[in-house]
Amino acid sequence: INGGYWVLGVVGQLQFDVIAARLKDEYGVQGRFEGVAYRAARWVEPPTDMKEDSAEFRNFLDKNRHNLAEDVYGALTYLAPNDWHLQRIQDDFPQFKFVKTREHQG
């Protein structure tokens, strides 16, 4: 949302190693991975009747702008630094759904 960096989420260091090896072997690209201060990511689903330009939606974006990103398809994502923050965002904005997984149509 704020622009700049790509975040790649995986489970375990081995997945980073595999990705780095594939980038190098298949594309000739030297990848570099650095840790980030996020423990969890959740896709954000506002209520279906909430418009993106509504005051309520803008309030959500403004209060959480440092923890928001978009996935490769442009879907809004909340990046939680820890479990407490994840629970807090869900408590503070109960009208939104914070979803662990998301289906993508290729």
PDB file of N, CA and C in Angstrom:
ATOM      1  N   ILE A   1       0.839  -1.195   0.000  1.00  0.00           N
ATOM      2  CA  ILE A   1       0.000   0.000   0.000  1.00  0.00           C
ATOM      3  C   ILE A   1       0.877   1.250   0.000  1.00  0.00           C
ATOM      4  N   ASN A   2       1.886   1.286   0.872  1.00  0.00           N
ATOM      5  CA  ASN A   2       2.790   2.423   0.915  1.00  0.00           C
ATOM      6  C   ASN A   2       3.856   2.363  -0.179  1.00  0.00           C
ATOM      7  N   GLY A   3       3.952   1.244  -0.863  1.00  0.00           N
ATOM      8  CA  GLY A   3       4.895   1.104  -1.964  1.00  0.00           C
ATOM      9  C   GLY A   3       6.254   0.631  -1.513  1.00  0.00           C
ATOM     10  N   GLY A   4       7.017   0.149  -2.464  1.00  0.00           N
ATOM     11  CA  GLY A   4       8.395  -0.158  -2.158  1.00  0.00           C
ATOM     12  C   GLY A   4       8.780  -1.615  -2.220  1.00  0.00           C
ATOM     13  N   TYR A   5       8.575  -2.340  -1.165  1.00  0.00           N
ATOM     14  CA  TYR A   5       9.171  -3.652  -1.013  1.00  0.00           C
ATOM     15  C   TYR A   5       8.210  -4.799  -1.312  1.00  0.00           C
ATOM     16  N   TRP A   6       8.789  -5.898  -1.740  1.00  0.00           N
ATOM     17  CA  TRP A   6       8.052  -7.139  -1.923  1.00  0.00           C
ATOM     18  C   TRP A   6       8.247  -7.976  -0.673  1.00  0.00           C
ATOM     19  N   VAL A   7       7.196  -8.627  -0.229  1.00  0.00           N
ATOM     20  CA  VAL A   7       7.282  -9.525   0.918  1.00  0.00           C
ATOM     21  C   VAL A   7       6.891 -10.909   0.435  1.00  0.00           C
ATOM     22  N   LEU A   8       7.748 -11.868   0.713  1.00  0.00           N
ATOM     23  CA  LEU A   8       7.495 -13.254   0.342  1.00  0.00           C
ATOM     24  C   LEU A   8       7.301 -14.045   1.622  1.00  0.00           C
ATOM     25  N   GLY A   9       6.151 -14.649   1.779  1.00  0.00           N
ATOM     26  CA  GLY A   9       5.877 -15.419   2.982  1.00  0.00           C
ATOM     27  C   GLY A   9       6.038 -16.905   2.726  1.00  0.00           C
ATOM     28  N   VAL A  10       6.788 -17.553   3.592  1.00  0.00           N
ATOM     29  CA  VAL A  10       6.980 -18.998   3.499  1.00  0.00           C
ATOM     30  C   VAL A  10       6.946 -19.580   4.908  1.00  0.00           C
ATOM     31  N   VAL A  11       6.903 -20.896   4.971  1.00  0.00           N
ATOM     32  CA  VAL A  11       6.964 -21.593   6.245  1.00  0.00           C
ATOM     33  C   VAL A  11       8.302 -22.313   6.302  1.00  0.00           C
ATOM     34  N   GLY A  12       9.248 -21.722   7.017  1.00  0.00           N
ATOM     35  CA  GLY A  12      10.544 -22.364   7.188  1.00  0.00           C
ATOM     36  C   GLY A  12      11.621 -21.846   6.253  1.00  0.00           C
ATOM     37  N   GLN A  13      12.851 -21.860   6.744  1.00  0.00           N
ATOM     38  CA  GLN A  13      14.017 -21.379   6.006  1.00  0.00           C
ATOM     39  C   GLN A  13      14.263 -22.178   4.726  1.00  0.00           C
ATOM     40  N   LEU A  14      13.963 -23.462   4.747  1.00  0.00           N
ATOM     41  CA  LEU A  14      14.198 -24.306   3.575  1.00  0.00           C
ATOM     42  C   LEU A  14      13.470 -23.770   2.348  1.00  0.00           C
ATOM     43  N   GLN A  15      12.274 -23.245   2.523  1.00  0.00           N
ATOM     44  CA  GLN A  15      11.549 -22.712   1.369  1.00  0.00           C
ATOM     45  C   GLN A  15      12.265 -21.505   0.767  1.00  0.00           C
ATOM     46  N   PHE A  16      12.857 -20.658   1.606  1.00  0.00           N
ATOM     47  CA  PHE A  16      13.650 -19.547   1.074  1.00  0.00           C
ATOM     48  C   PHE A  16      14.849 -20.069   0.293  1.00  0.00           C
ATOM     49  N   ASP A  17      15.507 -21.089   0.829  1.00  0.00           N
ATOM     50  CA  ASP A  17      16.667 -21.667   0.159  1.00  0.00           C
ATOM     51  C   ASP A  17      16.294 -22.236  -1.206  1.00  0.00           C
ATOM     52  N   VAL A  18      15.166 -22.902  -1.275  1.00  0.00           N
ATOM     53  CA  VAL A  18      14.689 -23.469  -2.540  1.00  0.00           C
ATOM     54  C   VAL A  18      14.378 -22.360  -3.542  1.00  0.00           C
ATOM     55  N   ILE A  19      13.708 -21.322  -3.091  1.00  0.00           N
ATOM     56  CA  ILE A  19      13.375 -20.197  -3.980  1.00  0.00           C
ATOM     57  C   ILE A  19      14.639 -19.522  -4.492  1.00  0.00           C
ATOM     58  N   ALA A  20      15.599 -19.286  -3.600  1.00  0.00           N
ATOM     59  CA  ALA A  20      16.867 -18.659  -4.013  1.00  0.00           C
ATOM     60  C   ALA A  20      17.587 -19.517  -5.047  1.00  0.00           C
ATOM     61  N   ALA A  21      17.624 -20.831  -4.824  1.00  0.00           N
ATOM     62  CA  ALA A  21      18.289 -21.735  -5.768  1.00  0.00           C
ATOM     63  C   ALA A  21      17.585 -21.726  -7.119  1.00  0.00           C
ATOM     64  N   ARG A  22      16.275 -21.737  -7.112  1.00  0.00           N
ATOM     65  CA  ARG A  22      15.531 -21.721  -8.381  1.00  0.00           C
ATOM     66  C   ARG A  22      15.712 -20.400  -9.121  1.00  0.00           C
ATOM     67  N   LEU A  23      15.707 -19.282  -8.393  1.00  0.00           N
ATOM     68  CA  LEU A  23      15.941 -17.988  -9.038  1.00  0.00           C
ATOM     69  C   LEU A  23      17.292 -17.978  -9.751  1.00  0.00           C
ATOM     70  N   LYS A  24      18.292 -18.508  -9.073  1.00  0.00           N
ATOM     71  CA  LYS A  24      19.642 -18.520  -9.643  1.00  0.00           C
ATOM     72  C   LYS A  24      19.745 -19.480 -10.823  1.00  0.00           C
ATOM     73  N   ASP A  25      19.267 -20.720 -10.630  1.00  0.00           N
ATOM     74  CA  ASP A  25      19.407 -21.750 -11.658  1.00  0.00           C
ATOM     75  C   ASP A  25      18.520 -21.505 -12.877  1.00  0.00           C
ATOM     76  N   GLU A  26      17.289 -21.085 -12.655  1.00  0.00           N
ATOM     77  CA  GLU A  26      16.327 -20.974 -13.752  1.00  0.00           C
ATOM     78  C   GLU A  26      16.299 -19.605 -14.409  1.00  0.00           C
ATOM     79  N   TYR A  27      16.668 -18.558 -13.653  1.00  0.00           N
ATOM     80  CA  TYR A  27      16.550 -17.202 -14.200  1.00  0.00           C
ATOM     81  C   TYR A  27      17.855 -16.411 -14.153  1.00  0.00           C
ATOM     82  N   GLY A  28      18.897 -16.984 -13.539  1.00  0.00           N
ATOM     83  CA  GLY A  28      20.164 -16.277 -13.447  1.00  0.00           C
ATOM     84  C   GLY A  28      20.101 -15.056 -12.537  1.00  0.00           C
ATOM     85  N   VAL A  29      19.194 -15.088 -11.579  1.00  0.00           N
ATOM     86  CA  VAL A  29      18.991 -13.956 -10.672  1.00  0.00           C
ATOM     87  C   VAL A  29      19.492 -14.326  -9.289  1.00  0.00           C
ATOM     88  N   GLN A  30      20.291 -13.446  -8.705  1.00  0.00           N
ATOM     89  CA  GLN A  30      20.760 -13.652  -7.349  1.00  0.00           C
ATOM     90  C   GLN A  30      19.736 -13.031  -6.398  1.00  0.00           C
ATOM     91  N   GLY A  31      19.014 -13.865  -5.667  1.00  0.00           N
ATOM     92  CA  GLY A  31      18.014 -13.370  -4.725  1.00  0.00           C
ATOM     93  C   GLY A  31      18.626 -13.065  -3.373  1.00  0.00           C
ATOM     94  N   ARG A  32      18.053 -12.098  -2.694  1.00  0.00           N
ATOM     95  CA  ARG A  32      18.489 -11.767  -1.345  1.00  0.00           C
ATOM     96  C   ARG A  32      17.253 -11.663  -0.464  1.00  0.00           C
ATOM     97  N   PHE A  33      17.272 -12.372   0.639  1.00  0.00           N
ATOM     98  CA  PHE A  33      16.127 -12.382   1.532  1.00  0.00           C
ATOM     99  C   PHE A  33      16.522 -11.812   2.877  1.00  0.00           C
ATOM    100  N   GLU A  34      15.673 -10.951   3.395  1.00  0.00           N
ATOM    101  CA  GLU A  34      15.873 -10.371   4.712  1.00  0.00           C
ATOM    102  C   GLU A  34      14.606 -10.614   5.524  1.00  0.00           C
ATOM    103  N   GLY A  35      14.778 -10.814   6.799  1.00  0.00           N
ATOM    104  CA  GLY A  35      13.624 -11.026   7.665  1.00  0.00           C
ATOM    105  C   GLY A  35      12.799  -9.760   7.826  1.00  0.00           C
ATOM    106  N   VAL A  36      11.522  -9.930   8.084  1.00  0.00           N
ATOM    107  CA  VAL A  36      10.623  -8.816   8.374  1.00  0.00           C
ATOM    108  C   VAL A  36       9.969  -9.064   9.735  1.00  0.00           C
ATOM    109  N   ALA A  37       9.438  -8.020  10.292  1.00  0.00           N
ATOM    110  CA  ALA A  37       8.875  -8.100  11.647  1.00  0.00           C
ATOM    111  C   ALA A  37       7.386  -8.435  11.626  1.00  0.00           C
ATOM    112  N   TYR A  38       7.004  -9.432  10.843  1.00  0.00           N
ATOM    113  CA  TYR A  38       5.601  -9.844  10.774  1.00  0.00           C
ATOM    114  C   TYR A  38       5.496 -11.321  11.115  1.00  0.00           C
ATOM    115  N   ARG A  39       4.488 -11.637  11.899  1.00  0.00           N
ATOM    116  CA  ARG A  39       4.264 -13.025  12.294  1.00  0.00           C
ATOM    117  C   ARG A  39       3.163 -13.684  11.476  1.00  0.00           C
ATOM    118  N   ALA A  40       2.225 -12.877  11.007  1.00  0.00           N
ATOM    119  CA  ALA A  40       1.088 -13.439  10.278  1.00  0.00           C
ATOM    120  C   ALA A  40       0.588 -12.444   9.238  1.00  0.00           C
ATOM    121  N   ALA A  41      -0.040 -12.980   8.219  1.00  0.00           N
ATOM    122  CA  ALA A  41      -0.692 -12.164   7.194  1.00  0.00           C
ATOM    123  C   ALA A  41      -2.127 -12.642   7.065  1.00  0.00           C
ATOM    124  N   ARG A  42      -3.025 -11.703   6.891  1.00  0.00           N
ATOM    125  CA  ARG A  42      -4.434 -12.039   6.686  1.00  0.00           C
ATOM    126  C   ARG A  42      -4.973 -11.167   5.564  1.00  0.00           C
ATOM    127  N   TRP A  43      -5.736 -11.780   4.670  1.00  0.00           N
ATOM    128  CA  TRP A  43      -6.433 -11.008   3.659  1.00  0.00           C
ATOM    129  C   TRP A  43      -7.609 -10.322   4.325  1.00  0.00           C
ATOM    130  N   VAL A  44      -7.821  -9.081   3.966  1.00  0.00           N
ATOM    131  CA  VAL A  44      -8.867  -8.261   4.581  1.00  0.00           C
ATOM    132  C   VAL A  44     -10.075  -8.235   3.657  1.00  0.00           C
ATOM    133  N   GLU A  45     -11.217  -8.616   4.214  1.00  0.00           N
ATOM    134  CA  GLU A  45     -12.463  -8.584   3.453  1.00  0.00           C
ATOM    135  C   GLU A  45     -13.448  -7.663   4.162  1.00  0.00           C
ATOM    136  N   PRO A  46     -13.671  -6.463   3.605  1.00  0.00           N
ATOM    137  CA  PRO A  46     -14.678  -5.583   4.193  1.00  0.00           C
ATOM    138  C   PRO A  46     -16.072  -6.132   3.905  1.00  0.00           C
ATOM    139  N   PRO A  47     -17.075  -5.655   4.624  1.00  0.00           N
ATOM    140  CA  PRO A  47     -18.436  -6.086   4.311  1.00  0.00           C
ATOM    141  C   PRO A  47     -18.768  -5.795   2.849  1.00  0.00           C
ATOM    142  N   THR A  48     -19.562  -6.634   2.246  1.00  0.00           N
ATOM    143  CA  THR A  48     -19.865  -6.480   0.816  1.00  0.00           C
ATOM    144  C   THR A  48     -20.556  -5.167   0.499  1.00  0.00           C
ATOM    145  N   ASP A  49     -21.263  -4.593   1.463  1.00  0.00           N
ATOM    146  CA  ASP A  49     -21.969  -3.341   1.197  1.00  0.00           C
ATOM    147  C   ASP A  49     -21.143  -2.098   1.536  1.00  0.00           C
ATOM    148  N   MET A  50     -19.879  -2.285   1.971  1.00  0.00           N
ATOM    149  CA  MET A  50     -19.029  -1.150   2.323  1.00  0.00           C
ATOM    150  C   MET A  50     -18.277  -0.671   1.084  1.00  0.00           C
ATOM    151  N   LYS A  51     -18.412   0.590   0.788  1.00  0.00           N
ATOM    152  CA  LYS A  51     -17.716   1.171  -0.355  1.00  0.00           C
ATOM    153  C   LYS A  51     -16.298   1.572   0.041  1.00  0.00           C
ATOM    154  N   GLU A  52     -15.367   1.456  -0.918  1.00  0.00           N
ATOM    155  CA  GLU A  52     -13.964   1.764  -0.642  1.00  0.00           C
ATOM    156  C   GLU A  52     -13.737   3.228  -0.294  1.00  0.00           C
ATOM    157  N   ASP A  53     -14.633   4.112  -0.713  1.00  0.00           N
ATOM    158  CA  ASP A  53     -14.465   5.526  -0.387  1.00  0.00           C
ATOM    159  C   ASP A  53     -15.278   5.944   0.838  1.00  0.00           C
ATOM    160  N   SER A  54     -15.859   4.974   1.548  1.00  0.00           N
ATOM    161  CA  SER A  54     -16.635   5.300   2.745  1.00  0.00           C
ATOM    162  C   SER A  54     -15.708   5.745   3.870  1.00  0.00           C
ATOM    163  N   ALA A  55     -16.237   6.524   4.795  1.00  0.00           N
ATOM    164  CA  ALA A  55     -15.454   7.003   5.938  1.00  0.00           C
ATOM    165  C   ALA A  55     -14.960   5.830   6.778  1.00  0.00           C
ATOM    166  N   GLU A  56     -15.772   4.820   6.919  1.00  0.00           N
ATOM    167  CA  GLU A  56     -15.400   3.656   7.718  1.00  0.00           C
ATOM    168  C   GLU A  56     -14.208   2.908   7.105  1.00  0.00           C
ATOM    169  N   PHE A  57     -14.231   2.726   5.807  1.00  0.00           N
ATOM    170  CA  PHE A  57     -13.133   2.043   5.125  1.00  0.00           C
ATOM    171  C   PHE A  57     -11.867   2.893   5.159  1.00  0.00           C
ATOM    172  N   ARG A  58     -12.004   4.203   4.919  1.00  0.00           N
ATOM    173  CA  ARG A  58     -10.849   5.103   4.970  1.00  0.00           C
ATOM    174  C   ARG A  58     -10.243   5.117   6.370  1.00  0.00           C
ATOM    175  N   ASN A  59     -11.088   5.070   7.408  1.00  0.00           N
ATOM    176  CA  ASN A  59     -10.614   5.022   8.790  1.00  0.00           C
ATOM    177  C   ASN A  59      -9.765   3.775   9.021  1.00  0.00           C
ATOM    178  N   PHE A  60     -10.249   2.644   8.528  1.00  0.00           N
ATOM    179  CA  PHE A  60      -9.493   1.399   8.645  1.00  0.00           C
ATOM    180  C   PHE A  60      -8.125   1.534   7.970  1.00  0.00           C
ATOM    181  N   LEU A  61      -8.108   2.048   6.758  1.00  0.00           N
ATOM    182  CA  LEU A  61      -6.855   2.206   6.017  1.00  0.00           C
ATOM    183  C   LEU A  61      -5.902   3.168   6.727  1.00  0.00           C
ATOM    184  N   ASP A  62      -6.430   4.290   7.191  1.00  0.00           N
ATOM    185  CA  ASP A  62      -5.589   5.290   7.848  1.00  0.00           C
ATOM    186  C   ASP A  62      -4.976   4.767   9.135  1.00  0.00           C
ATOM    187  N   LYS A  63      -5.745   4.054   9.929  1.00  0.00           N
ATOM    188  CA  LYS A  63      -5.251   3.567  11.215  1.00  0.00           C
ATOM    189  C   LYS A  63      -4.277   2.400  11.081  1.00  0.00           C
ATOM    190  N   ASN A  64      -4.275   1.750   9.936  1.00  0.00           N
ATOM    191  CA  ASN A  64      -3.456   0.546   9.773  1.00  0.00           C
ATOM    192  C   ASN A  64      -2.494   0.613   8.602  1.00  0.00           C
ATOM    193  N   ARG A  65      -2.262   1.788   8.070  1.00  0.00           N
ATOM    194  CA  ARG A  65      -1.481   1.920   6.831  1.00  0.00           C
ATOM    195  C   ARG A  65      -0.084   1.309   6.895  1.00  0.00           C
ATOM    196  N   HIS A  66       0.520   1.271   8.092  1.00  0.00           N
ATOM    197  CA  HIS A  66       1.866   0.713   8.201  1.00  0.00           C
ATOM    198  C   HIS A  66       1.875  -0.813   8.221  1.00  0.00           C
ATOM    199  N   ASN A  67       0.705  -1.416   8.322  1.00  0.00           N
ATOM    200  CA  ASN A  67       0.608  -2.872   8.355  1.00  0.00           C
ATOM    201  C   ASN A  67      -0.181  -3.422   7.174  1.00  0.00           C
ATOM    202  N   LEU A  68      -0.437  -2.600   6.181  1.00  0.00           N
ATOM    203  CA  LEU A  68      -1.229  -3.049   5.038  1.00  0.00           C
ATOM    204  C   LEU A  68      -0.360  -3.211   3.799  1.00  0.00           C
ATOM    205  N   ALA A  69      -0.725  -4.191   3.012  1.00  0.00           N
ATOM    206  CA  ALA A  69      -0.041  -4.459   1.747  1.00  0.00           C
ATOM    207  C   ALA A  69      -1.083  -4.964   0.757  1.00  0.00           C
ATOM    208  N   GLU A  70      -0.663  -5.146  -0.464  1.00  0.00           N
ATOM    209  CA  GLU A  70      -1.501  -5.781  -1.484  1.00  0.00           C
ATOM    210  C   GLU A  70      -0.773  -7.016  -1.971  1.00  0.00           C
ATOM    211  N   ASP A  71      -1.538  -8.080  -2.208  1.00  0.00           N
ATOM    212  CA  ASP A  71      -0.900  -9.268  -2.785  1.00  0.00           C
ATOM    213  C   ASP A  71      -0.708  -9.041  -4.277  1.00  0.00           C
ATOM    214  N   VAL A  72      -0.179 -10.022  -4.950  1.00  0.00           N
ATOM    215  CA  VAL A  72       0.138  -9.897  -6.370  1.00  0.00           C
ATOM    216  C   VAL A  72      -1.108  -9.610  -7.218  1.00  0.00           C
ATOM    217  N   TYR A  73      -2.290  -9.922  -6.686  1.00  0.00           N
ATOM    218  CA  TYR A  73      -3.539  -9.682  -7.407  1.00  0.00           C
ATOM    219  C   TYR A  73      -4.221  -8.387  -6.975  1.00  0.00           C
ATOM    220  N   GLY A  74      -3.587  -7.645  -6.057  1.00  0.00           N
ATOM    221  CA  GLY A  74      -4.156  -6.384  -5.602  1.00  0.00           C
ATOM    222  C   GLY A  74      -5.094  -6.507  -4.418  1.00  0.00           C
ATOM    223  N   ALA A  75      -5.184  -7.689  -3.823  1.00  0.00           N
ATOM    224  CA  ALA A  75      -6.066  -7.886  -2.670  1.00  0.00           C
ATOM    225  C   ALA A  75      -5.416  -7.318  -1.407  1.00  0.00           C
ATOM    226  N   LEU A  76      -6.203  -6.614  -0.620  1.00  0.00           N
ATOM    227  CA  LEU A  76      -5.728  -5.982   0.603  1.00  0.00           C
ATOM    228  C   LEU A  76      -5.333  -7.031   1.637  1.00  0.00           C
ATOM    229  N   THR A  77      -4.172  -6.826   2.261  1.00  0.00           N
ATOM    230  CA  THR A  77      -3.613  -7.778   3.210  1.00  0.00           C
ATOM    231  C   THR A  77      -3.128  -7.041   4.447  1.00  0.00           C
ATOM    232  N   TYR A  78      -3.435  -7.601   5.628  1.00  0.00           N
ATOM    233  CA  TYR A  78      -2.954  -7.050   6.901  1.00  0.00           C
ATOM    234  C   TYR A  78      -1.769  -7.888   7.361  1.00  0.00           C
ATOM    235  N   LEU A  79      -0.647  -7.228   7.664  1.00  0.00           N
ATOM    236  CA  LEU A  79       0.553  -7.902   8.152  1.00  0.00           C
ATOM    237  C   LEU A  79       0.671  -7.644   9.651  1.00  0.00           C
ATOM    238  N   ALA A  80       0.538  -8.696  10.442  1.00  0.00           N
ATOM    239  CA  ALA A  80       0.526  -8.579  11.898  1.00  0.00           C
ATOM    240  C   ALA A  80       1.903  -8.858  12.477  1.00  0.00           C
ATOM    241  N   PRO A  81       2.418  -7.947  13.318  1.00  0.00           N
ATOM    242  CA  PRO A  81       3.726  -8.190  13.928  1.00  0.00           C
ATOM    243  C   PRO A  81       3.703  -9.298  14.979  1.00  0.00           C
ATOM    244  N   ASN A  82       2.536  -9.566  15.548  1.00  0.00           N
ATOM    245  CA  ASN A  82       2.415 -10.626  16.552  1.00  0.00           C
ATOM    246  C   ASN A  82       0.944 -10.995  16.734  1.00  0.00           C
ATOM    247  N   ASP A  83       0.702 -12.021  17.535  1.00  0.00           N
ATOM    248  CA  ASP A  83      -0.665 -12.503  17.740  1.00  0.00           C
ATOM    249  C   ASP A  83      -1.540 -11.459  18.417  1.00  0.00           C
ATOM    250  N   TRP A  84      -0.947 -10.677  19.332  1.00  0.00           N
ATOM    251  CA  TRP A  84      -1.724  -9.654  20.026  1.00  0.00           C
ATOM    252  C   TRP A  84      -2.275  -8.634  19.036  1.00  0.00           C
ATOM    253  N   HIS A  85      -1.436  -8.154  18.106  1.00  0.00           N
ATOM    254  CA  HIS A  85      -1.888  -7.191  17.103  1.00  0.00           C
ATOM    255  C   HIS A  85      -2.975  -7.787  16.202  1.00  0.00           C
ATOM    256  N   LEU A  86      -2.815  -9.038  15.863  1.00  0.00           N
ATOM    257  CA  LEU A  86      -3.815  -9.692  15.019  1.00  0.00           C
ATOM    258  C   LEU A  86      -5.168  -9.742  15.732  1.00  0.00           C
ATOM    259  N   GLN A  87      -5.151 -10.113  16.990  1.00  0.00           N
ATOM    260  CA  GLN A  87      -6.401 -10.149  17.754  1.00  0.00           C
ATOM    261  C   GLN A  87      -6.973  -8.745  17.925  1.00  0.00           C
ATOM    262  N   ARG A  88      -6.107  -7.785  18.158  1.00  0.00           N
ATOM    263  CA  ARG A  88      -6.561  -6.400  18.376  1.00  0.00           C
ATOM    264  C   ARG A  88      -7.247  -5.841  17.137  1.00  0.00           C
ATOM    265  N   ILE A  89      -6.676  -6.077  15.969  1.00  0.00           N
ATOM    266  CA  ILE A  89      -7.288  -5.560  14.737  1.00  0.00           C
ATOM    267  C   ILE A  89      -8.657  -6.196  14.514  1.00  0.00           C
ATOM    268  N   GLN A  90      -8.768  -7.466  14.846  1.00  0.00           N
ATOM    269  CA  GLN A  90     -10.053  -8.156  14.692  1.00  0.00           C
ATOM    270  C   GLN A  90     -11.078  -7.617  15.684  1.00  0.00           C
ATOM    271  N   ASP A  91     -10.626  -7.294  16.890  1.00  0.00           N
ATOM    272  CA  ASP A  91     -11.528  -6.717  17.899  1.00  0.00           C
ATOM    273  C   ASP A  91     -11.925  -5.291  17.544  1.00  0.00           C
ATOM    274  N   ASP A  92     -10.971  -4.509  17.035  1.00  0.00           N
ATOM    275  CA  ASP A  92     -11.235  -3.106  16.707  1.00  0.00           C
ATOM    276  C   ASP A  92     -12.096  -2.930  15.459  1.00  0.00           C
ATOM    277  N   PHE A  93     -12.030  -3.882  14.550  1.00  0.00           N
ATOM    278  CA  PHE A  93     -12.770  -3.788  13.289  1.00  0.00           C
ATOM    279  C   PHE A  93     -13.549  -5.093  13.038  1.00  0.00           C
ATOM    280  N   PRO A  94     -14.539  -5.378  13.880  1.00  0.00           N
ATOM    281  CA  PRO A  94     -15.257  -6.659  13.763  1.00  0.00           C
ATOM    282  C   PRO A  94     -16.078  -6.792  12.479  1.00  0.00           C
ATOM    283  N   GLN A  95     -16.345  -5.688  11.804  1.00  0.00           N
ATOM    284  CA  GLN A  95     -17.104  -5.745  10.560  1.00  0.00           C
ATOM    285  C   GLN A  95     -16.276  -6.296   9.401  1.00  0.00           C
ATOM    286  N   PHE A  96     -14.956  -6.303   9.557  1.00  0.00           N
ATOM    287  CA  PHE A  96     -14.062  -6.841   8.536  1.00  0.00           C
ATOM    288  C   PHE A  96     -13.755  -8.299   8.844  1.00  0.00           C
ATOM    289  N   LYS A  97     -13.529  -9.084   7.797  1.00  0.00           N
ATOM    290  CA  LYS A  97     -13.041 -10.453   7.960  1.00  0.00           C
ATOM    291  C   LYS A  97     -11.544 -10.450   7.692  1.00  0.00           C
ATOM    292  N   PHE A  98     -10.821 -11.213   8.500  1.00  0.00           N
ATOM    293  CA  PHE A  98      -9.383 -11.368   8.331  1.00  0.00           C
ATOM    294  C   PHE A  98      -9.138 -12.834   8.040  1.00  0.00           C
ATOM    295  N   VAL A  99      -8.881 -13.139   6.775  1.00  0.00           N
ATOM    296  CA  VAL A  99      -8.904 -14.506   6.264  1.00  0.00           C
ATOM    297  C   VAL A  99      -7.484 -15.058   6.101  1.00  0.00           C
ATOM    298  N   LYS A 100      -7.283 -16.306   6.576  1.00  0.00           N
ATOM    299  CA  LYS A 100      -5.951 -16.934   6.507  1.00  0.00           C
ATOM    300  C   LYS A 100      -5.542 -17.329   5.102  1.00  0.00           C
ATOM    301  N   THR A 101      -6.474 -17.790   4.309  1.00  0.00           N
ATOM    302  CA  THR A 101      -6.150 -18.251   2.958  1.00  0.00           C
ATOM    303  C   THR A 101      -7.090 -17.574   1.958  1.00  0.00           C
ATOM    304  N   ARG A 102      -6.660 -17.564   0.701  1.00  0.00           N
ATOM    305  CA  ARG A 102      -7.459 -16.936  -0.337  1.00  0.00           C
ATOM    306  C   ARG A 102      -7.272 -17.701  -1.637  1.00  0.00           C
ATOM    307  N   GLU A 103      -8.375 -18.006  -2.267  1.00  0.00           N
ATOM    308  CA  GLU A 103      -8.335 -18.683  -3.563  1.00  0.00           C
ATOM    309  C   GLU A 103      -8.026 -17.681  -4.657  1.00  0.00           C
ATOM    310  N   HIS A 104      -7.158 -18.077  -5.591  1.00  0.00           N
ATOM    311  CA  HIS A 104      -6.864 -17.233  -6.748  1.00  0.00           C
ATOM    312  C   HIS A 104      -7.206 -18.023  -8.010  1.00  0.00           C
ATOM    313  N   GLN A 105      -7.913 -17.365  -8.864  1.00  0.00           N
ATOM    314  CA  GLN A 105      -8.236 -17.984 -10.153  1.00  0.00           C
ATOM    315  C   GLN A 105      -7.153 -17.602 -11.153  1.00  0.00           C
ATOM    316  N   GLY A 106      -6.492 -18.605 -11.726  1.00  0.00           N
ATOM    317  CA  GLY A 106      -5.398 -18.361 -12.650  1.00  0.00           C
ATOM    318  C   GLY A 106      -5.863 -18.002 -13.965  1.00  0.00           C
TER     319      GLY A 106
END
